[in-house]
Amino acid sequence: MNTQIASVFIYFALLLTIAFWSKKRKNTATDYMLGGRRMNFLLTAFAAHASDASSWLFMGLPAMIFTKGVFNSWMAIGLVFFMFL
């Protein structure tokens, strides 16, 4: 039990450290929202794809399998394959 509590406090301290470190680098709302426009196109594309994939895979696909049946779980294999393609 003590190890778990210590882990939570260490994690919280790490989050606070990251927050204070990043606060020094962000001066305006544009710096926060758009990364100061210093992010390259590849990182932006990966972020957009990850956002799209997470919403579909964690909400849309399970709902479709629940409503239409287990047969539609084959879509997960196709989505993963074509995502890497």
PDB file of N, CA and C in Angstrom:
ATOM      1  N   MET A   1       0.818  -1.197   0.000  1.00  0.00           N
ATOM      2  CA  MET A   1       0.000   0.000   0.000  1.00  0.00           C
ATOM      3  C   MET A   1       0.861   1.260   0.000  1.00  0.00           C
ATOM      4  N   ASN A   2       1.926   1.254   0.761  1.00  0.00           N
ATOM      5  CA  ASN A   2       2.801   2.429   0.813  1.00  0.00           C
ATOM      6  C   ASN A   2       3.498   2.674  -0.518  1.00  0.00           C
ATOM      7  N   THR A   3       3.813   1.612  -1.235  1.00  0.00           N
ATOM      8  CA  THR A   3       4.436   1.750  -2.540  1.00  0.00           C
ATOM      9  C   THR A   3       3.483   2.409  -3.534  1.00  0.00           C
ATOM     10  N   GLN A   4       2.215   2.060  -3.446  1.00  0.00           N
ATOM     11  CA  GLN A   4       1.223   2.649  -4.341  1.00  0.00           C
ATOM     12  C   GLN A   4       1.049   4.141  -4.067  1.00  0.00           C
ATOM     13  N   ILE A   5       0.987   4.503  -2.801  1.00  0.00           N
ATOM     14  CA  ILE A   5       0.837   5.917  -2.447  1.00  0.00           C
ATOM     15  C   ILE A   5       2.069   6.701  -2.871  1.00  0.00           C
ATOM     16  N   ALA A   6       3.244   6.124  -2.669  1.00  0.00           N
ATOM     17  CA  ALA A   6       4.480   6.784  -3.086  1.00  0.00           C
ATOM     18  C   ALA A   6       4.518   6.958  -4.594  1.00  0.00           C
ATOM     19  N   SER A   7       4.020   5.950  -5.322  1.00  0.00           N
ATOM     20  CA  SER A   7       3.995   6.046  -6.780  1.00  0.00           C
ATOM     21  C   SER A   7       3.083   7.176  -7.244  1.00  0.00           C
ATOM     22  N   VAL A   8       1.951   7.335  -6.582  1.00  0.00           N
ATOM     23  CA  VAL A   8       1.035   8.406  -6.944  1.00  0.00           C
ATOM     24  C   VAL A   8       1.678   9.769  -6.686  1.00  0.00           C
ATOM     25  N   PHE A   9       2.338   9.925  -5.553  1.00  0.00           N
ATOM     26  CA  PHE A   9       2.998  11.192  -5.243  1.00  0.00           C
ATOM     27  C   PHE A   9       4.152  11.494  -6.202  1.00  0.00           C
ATOM     28  N   ILE A  10       4.911  10.476  -6.576  1.00  0.00           N
ATOM     29  CA  ILE A  10       6.007  10.667  -7.534  1.00  0.00           C
ATOM     30  C   ILE A  10       5.445  11.059  -8.900  1.00  0.00           C
ATOM     31  N   TYR A  11       4.370  10.403  -9.313  1.00  0.00           N
ATOM     32  CA  TYR A  11       3.733  10.739 -10.587  1.00  0.00           C
ATOM     33  C   TYR A  11       3.212  12.172 -10.566  1.00  0.00           C
ATOM     34  N   PHE A  12       2.563  12.565  -9.472  1.00  0.00           N
ATOM     35  CA  PHE A  12       2.040  13.919  -9.340  1.00  0.00           C
ATOM     36  C   PHE A  12       3.171  14.940  -9.361  1.00  0.00           C
ATOM     37  N   ALA A  13       4.275  14.639  -8.679  1.00  0.00           N
ATOM     38  CA  ALA A  13       5.435  15.545  -8.681  1.00  0.00           C
ATOM     39  C   ALA A  13       6.018  15.664 -10.082  1.00  0.00           C
ATOM     40  N   LEU A  14       6.058  14.570 -10.814  1.00  0.00           N
ATOM     41  CA  LEU A  14       6.551  14.602 -12.192  1.00  0.00           C
ATOM     42  C   LEU A  14       5.652  15.468 -13.072  1.00  0.00           C
ATOM     43  N   LEU A  15       4.338  15.341 -12.910  1.00  0.00           N
ATOM     44  CA  LEU A  15       3.414  16.167 -13.676  1.00  0.00           C
ATOM     45  C   LEU A  15       3.587  17.652 -13.355  1.00  0.00           C
ATOM     46  N   LEU A  16       3.749  17.974 -12.081  1.00  0.00           N
ATOM     47  CA  LEU A  16       3.961  19.370 -11.701  1.00  0.00           C
ATOM     48  C   LEU A  16       5.271  19.910 -12.265  1.00  0.00           C
ATOM     49  N   THR A  17       6.309  19.083 -12.260  1.00  0.00           N
ATOM     50  CA  THR A  17       7.596  19.502 -12.826  1.00  0.00           C
ATOM     51  C   THR A  17       7.462  19.802 -14.312  1.00  0.00           C
ATOM     52  N   ILE A  18       6.788  18.944 -15.036  1.00  0.00           N
ATOM     53  CA  ILE A  18       6.581  19.167 -16.472  1.00  0.00           C
ATOM     54  C   ILE A  18       5.742  20.421 -16.697  1.00  0.00           C
ATOM     55  N   ALA A  19       4.726  20.628 -15.861  1.00  0.00           N
ATOM     56  CA  ALA A  19       3.859  21.805 -16.013  1.00  0.00           C
ATOM     57  C   ALA A  19       4.645  23.095 -15.786  1.00  0.00           C
ATOM     58  N   PHE A  20       5.450  23.152 -14.743  1.00  0.00           N
ATOM     59  CA  PHE A  20       6.227  24.358 -14.476  1.00  0.00           C
ATOM     60  C   PHE A  20       7.293  24.597 -15.548  1.00  0.00           C
ATOM     61  N   TRP A  21       7.888  23.521 -16.050  1.00  0.00           N
ATOM     62  CA  TRP A  21       8.892  23.654 -17.104  1.00  0.00           C
ATOM     63  C   TRP A  21       8.265  24.164 -18.399  1.00  0.00           C
ATOM     64  N   SER A  22       7.089  23.634 -18.736  1.00  0.00           N
ATOM     65  CA  SER A  22       6.456  24.071 -19.977  1.00  0.00           C
ATOM     66  C   SER A  22       5.846  25.471 -19.836  1.00  0.00           C
ATOM     67  N   LYS A  23       5.473  25.862 -18.633  1.00  0.00           N
ATOM     68  CA  LYS A  23       4.920  27.202 -18.419  1.00  0.00           C
ATOM     69  C   LYS A  23       5.951  28.271 -18.764  1.00  0.00           C
ATOM     70  N   LYS A  24       7.204  27.997 -18.507  1.00  0.00           N
ATOM     71  CA  LYS A  24       8.269  28.953 -18.826  1.00  0.00           C
ATOM     72  C   LYS A  24       8.408  29.146 -20.337  1.00  0.00           C
ATOM     73  N   ARG A  25       8.086  28.135 -21.102  1.00  0.00           N
ATOM     74  CA  ARG A  25       8.255  28.203 -22.556  1.00  0.00           C
ATOM     75  C   ARG A  25       7.051  28.775 -23.276  1.00  0.00           C
ATOM     76  N   LYS A  26       5.903  28.808 -22.626  1.00  0.00           N
ATOM     77  CA  LYS A  26       4.671  29.296 -23.252  1.00  0.00           C
ATOM     78  C   LYS A  26       4.356  30.691 -22.736  1.00  0.00           C
ATOM     79  N   ASN A  27       4.335  31.670 -23.654  1.00  0.00           N
ATOM     80  CA  ASN A  27       4.085  33.050 -23.250  1.00  0.00           C
ATOM     81  C   ASN A  27       2.707  33.556 -23.666  1.00  0.00           C
ATOM     82  N   THR A  28       2.203  33.074 -24.780  1.00  0.00           N
ATOM     83  CA  THR A  28       0.921  33.550 -25.290  1.00  0.00           C
ATOM     84  C   THR A  28      -0.011  32.366 -25.526  1.00  0.00           C
ATOM     85  N   ALA A  29      -1.253  32.686 -25.852  1.00  0.00           N
ATOM     86  CA  ALA A  29      -2.222  31.631 -26.161  1.00  0.00           C
ATOM     87  C   ALA A  29      -1.830  30.890 -27.438  1.00  0.00           C
ATOM     88  N   THR A  30      -1.224  31.600 -28.385  1.00  0.00           N
ATOM     89  CA  THR A  30      -0.782  30.952 -29.623  1.00  0.00           C
ATOM     90  C   THR A  30       0.319  29.943 -29.341  1.00  0.00           C
ATOM     91  N   ASP A  31       1.222  30.266 -28.433  1.00  0.00           N
ATOM     92  CA  ASP A  31       2.261  29.309 -28.055  1.00  0.00           C
ATOM     93  C   ASP A  31       1.635  28.035 -27.496  1.00  0.00           C
ATOM     94  N   TYR A  32       0.583  28.209 -26.707  1.00  0.00           N
ATOM     95  CA  TYR A  32      -0.065  27.045 -26.100  1.00  0.00           C
ATOM     96  C   TYR A  32      -0.880  26.253 -27.122  1.00  0.00           C
ATOM     97  N   MET A  33      -1.710  26.933 -27.879  1.00  0.00           N
ATOM     98  CA  MET A  33      -2.620  26.256 -28.800  1.00  0.00           C
ATOM     99  C   MET A  33      -1.917  25.670 -30.015  1.00  0.00           C
ATOM    100  N   LEU A  34      -0.981  26.390 -30.571  1.00  0.00           N
ATOM    101  CA  LEU A  34      -0.355  25.979 -31.827  1.00  0.00           C
ATOM    102  C   LEU A  34       1.118  25.620 -31.688  1.00  0.00           C
ATOM    103  N   GLY A  35       1.598  25.531 -30.467  1.00  0.00           N
ATOM    104  CA  GLY A  35       3.002  25.200 -30.270  1.00  0.00           C
ATOM    105  C   GLY A  35       3.922  26.275 -30.793  1.00  0.00           C
ATOM    106  N   GLY A  36       3.459  27.527 -30.784  1.00  0.00           N
ATOM    107  CA  GLY A  36       4.285  28.615 -31.293  1.00  0.00           C
ATOM    108  C   GLY A  36       4.542  28.504 -32.789  1.00  0.00           C
ATOM    109  N   ARG A  37       3.732  27.701 -33.471  1.00  0.00           N
ATOM    110  CA  ARG A  37       3.889  27.437 -34.917  1.00  0.00           C
ATOM    111  C   ARG A  37       5.278  26.887 -35.256  1.00  0.00           C
ATOM    112  N   ARG A  38       5.854  26.137 -34.331  1.00  0.00           N
ATOM    113  CA  ARG A  38       7.179  25.546 -34.544  1.00  0.00           C
ATOM    114  C   ARG A  38       7.110  24.046 -34.809  1.00  0.00           C
ATOM    115  N   MET A  39       5.917  23.461 -34.836  1.00  0.00           N
ATOM    116  CA  MET A  39       5.801  22.027 -35.080  1.00  0.00           C
ATOM    117  C   MET A  39       5.864  21.758 -36.579  1.00  0.00           C
ATOM    118  N   ASN A  40       6.598  20.727 -36.955  1.00  0.00           N
ATOM    119  CA  ASN A  40       6.684  20.436 -38.386  1.00  0.00           C
ATOM    120  C   ASN A  40       5.437  19.702 -38.874  1.00  0.00           C
ATOM    121  N   PHE A  41       5.299  19.578 -40.164  1.00  0.00           N
ATOM    122  CA  PHE A  41       4.086  19.018 -40.755  1.00  0.00           C
ATOM    123  C   PHE A  41       3.905  17.553 -40.408  1.00  0.00           C
ATOM    124  N   LEU A  42       4.987  16.805 -40.263  1.00  0.00           N
ATOM    125  CA  LEU A  42       4.871  15.385 -39.973  1.00  0.00           C
ATOM    126  C   LEU A  42       4.291  15.164 -38.577  1.00  0.00           C
ATOM    127  N   LEU A  43       4.736  15.928 -37.601  1.00  0.00           N
ATOM    128  CA  LEU A  43       4.206  15.811 -36.251  1.00  0.00           C
ATOM    129  C   LEU A  43       2.730  16.207 -36.208  1.00  0.00           C
ATOM    130  N   THR A  44       2.366  17.223 -36.945  1.00  0.00           N
ATOM    131  CA  THR A  44       0.965  17.643 -37.007  1.00  0.00           C
ATOM    132  C   THR A  44       0.107  16.564 -37.662  1.00  0.00           C
ATOM    133  N   ALA A  45       0.605  15.934 -38.705  1.00  0.00           N
ATOM    134  CA  ALA A  45      -0.141  14.868 -39.372  1.00  0.00           C
ATOM    135  C   ALA A  45      -0.327  13.663 -38.454  1.00  0.00           C
ATOM    136  N   PHE A  46       0.721  13.294 -37.720  1.00  0.00           N
ATOM    137  CA  PHE A  46       0.605  12.178 -36.779  1.00  0.00           C
ATOM    138  C   PHE A  46      -0.402  12.485 -35.677  1.00  0.00           C
ATOM    139  N   ALA A  47      -0.402  13.720 -35.177  1.00  0.00           N
ATOM    140  CA  ALA A  47      -1.351  14.098 -34.125  1.00  0.00           C
ATOM    141  C   ALA A  47      -2.782  14.050 -34.642  1.00  0.00           C
ATOM    142  N   ALA A  48      -3.014  14.530 -35.847  1.00  0.00           N
ATOM    143  CA  ALA A  48      -4.362  14.500 -36.417  1.00  0.00           C
ATOM    144  C   ALA A  48      -4.815  13.059 -36.659  1.00  0.00           C
ATOM    145  N   HIS A  49      -3.925  12.217 -37.144  1.00  0.00           N
ATOM    146  CA  HIS A  49      -4.271  10.821 -37.397  1.00  0.00           C
ATOM    147  C   HIS A  49      -4.544  10.081 -36.085  1.00  0.00           C
ATOM    148  N   ALA A  50      -3.745  10.333 -35.068  1.00  0.00           N
ATOM    149  CA  ALA A  50      -3.951   9.675 -33.776  1.00  0.00           C
ATOM    150  C   ALA A  50      -5.283  10.087 -33.161  1.00  0.00           C
ATOM    151  N   SER A  51      -5.637  11.336 -33.309  1.00  0.00           N
ATOM    152  CA  SER A  51      -6.919  11.807 -32.780  1.00  0.00           C
ATOM    153  C   SER A  51      -8.081  11.144 -33.509  1.00  0.00           C
ATOM    154  N   ASP A  52      -7.986  11.059 -34.806  1.00  0.00           N
ATOM    155  CA  ASP A  52      -9.038  10.423 -35.595  1.00  0.00           C
ATOM    156  C   ASP A  52      -9.135   8.935 -35.281  1.00  0.00           C
ATOM    157  N   ALA A  53      -7.999   8.269 -35.223  1.00  0.00           N
ATOM    158  CA  ALA A  53      -7.995   6.827 -34.978  1.00  0.00           C
ATOM    159  C   ALA A  53      -8.514   6.504 -33.582  1.00  0.00           C
ATOM    160  N   SER A  54      -8.166   7.297 -32.603  1.00  0.00           N
ATOM    161  CA  SER A  54      -8.609   6.981 -31.248  1.00  0.00           C
ATOM    162  C   SER A  54     -10.116   7.138 -31.110  1.00  0.00           C
ATOM    163  N   SER A  55     -10.673   8.156 -31.732  1.00  0.00           N
ATOM    164  CA  SER A  55     -12.123   8.330 -31.613  1.00  0.00           C
ATOM    165  C   SER A  55     -12.871   7.190 -32.298  1.00  0.00           C
ATOM    166  N   TRP A  56     -12.373   6.733 -33.415  1.00  0.00           N
ATOM    167  CA  TRP A  56     -13.053   5.654 -34.123  1.00  0.00           C
ATOM    168  C   TRP A  56     -12.840   4.315 -33.419  1.00  0.00           C
ATOM    169  N   LEU A  57     -11.603   4.014 -33.030  1.00  0.00           N
ATOM    170  CA  LEU A  57     -11.319   2.697 -32.469  1.00  0.00           C
ATOM    171  C   LEU A  57     -11.857   2.513 -31.060  1.00  0.00           C
ATOM    172  N   PHE A  58     -11.956   3.575 -30.288  1.00  0.00           N
ATOM    173  CA  PHE A  58     -12.407   3.421 -28.911  1.00  0.00           C
ATOM    174  C   PHE A  58     -13.891   3.703 -28.723  1.00  0.00           C
ATOM    175  N   MET A  59     -14.532   4.353 -29.693  1.00  0.00           N
ATOM    176  CA  MET A  59     -15.954   4.634 -29.551  1.00  0.00           C
ATOM    177  C   MET A  59     -16.771   4.039 -30.690  1.00  0.00           C
ATOM    178  N   GLY A  60     -16.371   4.286 -31.905  1.00  0.00           N
ATOM    179  CA  GLY A  60     -17.172   3.855 -33.051  1.00  0.00           C
ATOM    180  C   GLY A  60     -17.149   2.366 -33.284  1.00  0.00           C
ATOM    181  N   LEU A  61     -15.979   1.767 -33.270  1.00  0.00           N
ATOM    182  CA  LEU A  61     -15.873   0.336 -33.574  1.00  0.00           C
ATOM    183  C   LEU A  61     -16.567  -0.533 -32.530  1.00  0.00           C
ATOM    184  N   PRO A  62     -16.356  -0.318 -31.217  1.00  0.00           N
ATOM    185  CA  PRO A  62     -17.092  -1.143 -30.246  1.00  0.00           C
ATOM    186  C   PRO A  62     -18.608  -0.963 -30.340  1.00  0.00           C
ATOM    187  N   ALA A  63     -19.051   0.255 -30.623  1.00  0.00           N
ATOM    188  CA  ALA A  63     -20.495   0.478 -30.767  1.00  0.00           C
ATOM    189  C   ALA A  63     -21.042  -0.268 -31.969  1.00  0.00           C
ATOM    190  N   MET A  64     -20.285  -0.282 -33.057  1.00  0.00           N
ATOM    191  CA  MET A  64     -20.750  -0.995 -34.243  1.00  0.00           C
ATOM    192  C   MET A  64     -20.774  -2.504 -34.000  1.00  0.00           C
ATOM    193  N   ILE A  65     -19.768  -3.017 -33.317  1.00  0.00           N
ATOM    194  CA  ILE A  65     -19.743  -4.448 -33.012  1.00  0.00           C
ATOM    195  C   ILE A  65     -20.912  -4.806 -32.093  1.00  0.00           C
ATOM    196  N   PHE A  66     -21.201  -3.931 -31.146  1.00  0.00           N
ATOM    197  CA  PHE A  66     -22.314  -4.191 -30.234  1.00  0.00           C
ATOM    198  C   PHE A  66     -23.654  -4.169 -30.955  1.00  0.00           C
ATOM    199  N   THR A  67     -23.834  -3.223 -31.849  1.00  0.00           N
ATOM    200  CA  THR A  67     -25.140  -3.102 -32.500  1.00  0.00           C
ATOM    201  C   THR A  67     -25.306  -4.039 -33.685  1.00  0.00           C
ATOM    202  N   LYS A  68     -24.243  -4.300 -34.435  1.00  0.00           N
ATOM    203  CA  LYS A  68     -24.360  -5.087 -35.668  1.00  0.00           C
ATOM    204  C   LYS A  68     -23.888  -6.530 -35.522  1.00  0.00           C
ATOM    205  N   GLY A  69     -23.173  -6.837 -34.436  1.00  0.00           N
ATOM    206  CA  GLY A  69     -22.748  -8.215 -34.211  1.00  0.00           C
ATOM    207  C   GLY A  69     -21.236  -8.380 -34.259  1.00  0.00           C
ATOM    208  N   VAL A  70     -20.783  -9.512 -33.739  1.00  0.00           N
ATOM    209  CA  VAL A  70     -19.354  -9.806 -33.619  1.00  0.00           C
ATOM    210  C   VAL A  70     -18.694  -9.956 -34.985  1.00  0.00           C
ATOM    211  N   PHE A  71     -19.464 -10.279 -35.993  1.00  0.00           N
ATOM    212  CA  PHE A  71     -18.898 -10.439 -37.336  1.00  0.00           C
ATOM    213  C   PHE A  71     -18.153  -9.188 -37.787  1.00  0.00           C
ATOM    214  N   ASN A  72     -18.582  -8.029 -37.360  1.00  0.00           N
ATOM    215  CA  ASN A  72     -17.953  -6.780 -37.780  1.00  0.00           C
ATOM    216  C   ASN A  72     -16.621  -6.508 -37.093  1.00  0.00           C
ATOM    217  N   SER A  73     -16.177  -7.396 -36.212  1.00  0.00           N
ATOM    218  CA  SER A  73     -14.876  -7.194 -35.577  1.00  0.00           C
ATOM    219  C   SER A  73     -13.727  -7.370 -36.572  1.00  0.00           C
ATOM    220  N   TRP A  74     -13.997  -7.934 -37.746  1.00  0.00           N
ATOM    221  CA  TRP A  74     -12.958  -8.045 -38.779  1.00  0.00           C
ATOM    222  C   TRP A  74     -12.450  -6.669 -39.200  1.00  0.00           C
ATOM    223  N   MET A  75     -13.267  -5.645 -39.002  1.00  0.00           N
ATOM    224  CA  MET A  75     -12.859  -4.299 -39.397  1.00  0.00           C
ATOM    225  C   MET A  75     -11.629  -3.826 -38.638  1.00  0.00           C
ATOM    226  N   ALA A  76     -11.451  -4.282 -37.400  1.00  0.00           N
ATOM    227  CA  ALA A  76     -10.284  -3.887 -36.617  1.00  0.00           C
ATOM    228  C   ALA A  76      -9.001  -4.335 -37.304  1.00  0.00           C
ATOM    229  N   ILE A  77      -9.015  -5.526 -37.865  1.00  0.00           N
ATOM    230  CA  ILE A  77      -7.834  -6.034 -38.574  1.00  0.00           C
ATOM    231  C   ILE A  77      -7.571  -5.192 -39.814  1.00  0.00           C
ATOM    232  N   GLY A  78      -8.599  -4.880 -40.560  1.00  0.00           N
ATOM    233  CA  GLY A  78      -8.438  -4.045 -41.752  1.00  0.00           C
ATOM    234  C   GLY A  78      -7.977  -2.646 -41.412  1.00  0.00           C
ATOM    235  N   LEU A  79      -8.521  -2.076 -40.341  1.00  0.00           N
ATOM    236  CA  LEU A  79      -8.114  -0.721 -39.951  1.00  0.00           C
ATOM    237  C   LEU A  79      -6.634  -0.673 -39.565  1.00  0.00           C
ATOM    238  N   VAL A  80      -6.185  -1.634 -38.804  1.00  0.00           N
ATOM    239  CA  VAL A  80      -4.773  -1.655 -38.400  1.00  0.00           C
ATOM    240  C   VAL A  80      -3.875  -1.874 -39.613  1.00  0.00           C
ATOM    241  N   PHE A  81      -4.243  -2.800 -40.470  1.00  0.00           N
ATOM    242  CA  PHE A  81      -3.424  -3.085 -41.650  1.00  0.00           C
ATOM    243  C   PHE A  81      -3.307  -1.869 -42.558  1.00  0.00           C
ATOM    244  N   PHE A  82      -4.426  -1.256 -42.888  1.00  0.00           N
ATOM    245  CA  PHE A  82      -4.393  -0.137 -43.823  1.00  0.00           C
ATOM    246  C   PHE A  82      -3.877   1.147 -43.182  1.00  0.00           C
ATOM    247  N   MET A  83      -3.917   1.241 -41.860  1.00  0.00           N
ATOM    248  CA  MET A  83      -3.314   2.387 -41.196  1.00  0.00           C
ATOM    249  C   MET A  83      -1.801   2.385 -41.435  1.00  0.00           C
ATOM    250  N   PHE A  84      -1.195   1.200 -41.327  1.00  0.00           N
ATOM    251  CA  PHE A  84       0.251   1.120 -41.564  1.00  0.00           C
ATOM    252  C   PHE A  84       0.616   1.191 -43.032  1.00  0.00           C
ATOM    253  N   LEU A  85      -0.324   0.829 -43.889  1.00  0.00           N
ATOM    254  CA  LEU A  85      -0.082   0.876 -45.329  1.00  0.00           C
ATOM    255  C   LEU A  85      -0.020   2.316 -45.777  1.00  0.00           C
TER     256      LEU A  85
END
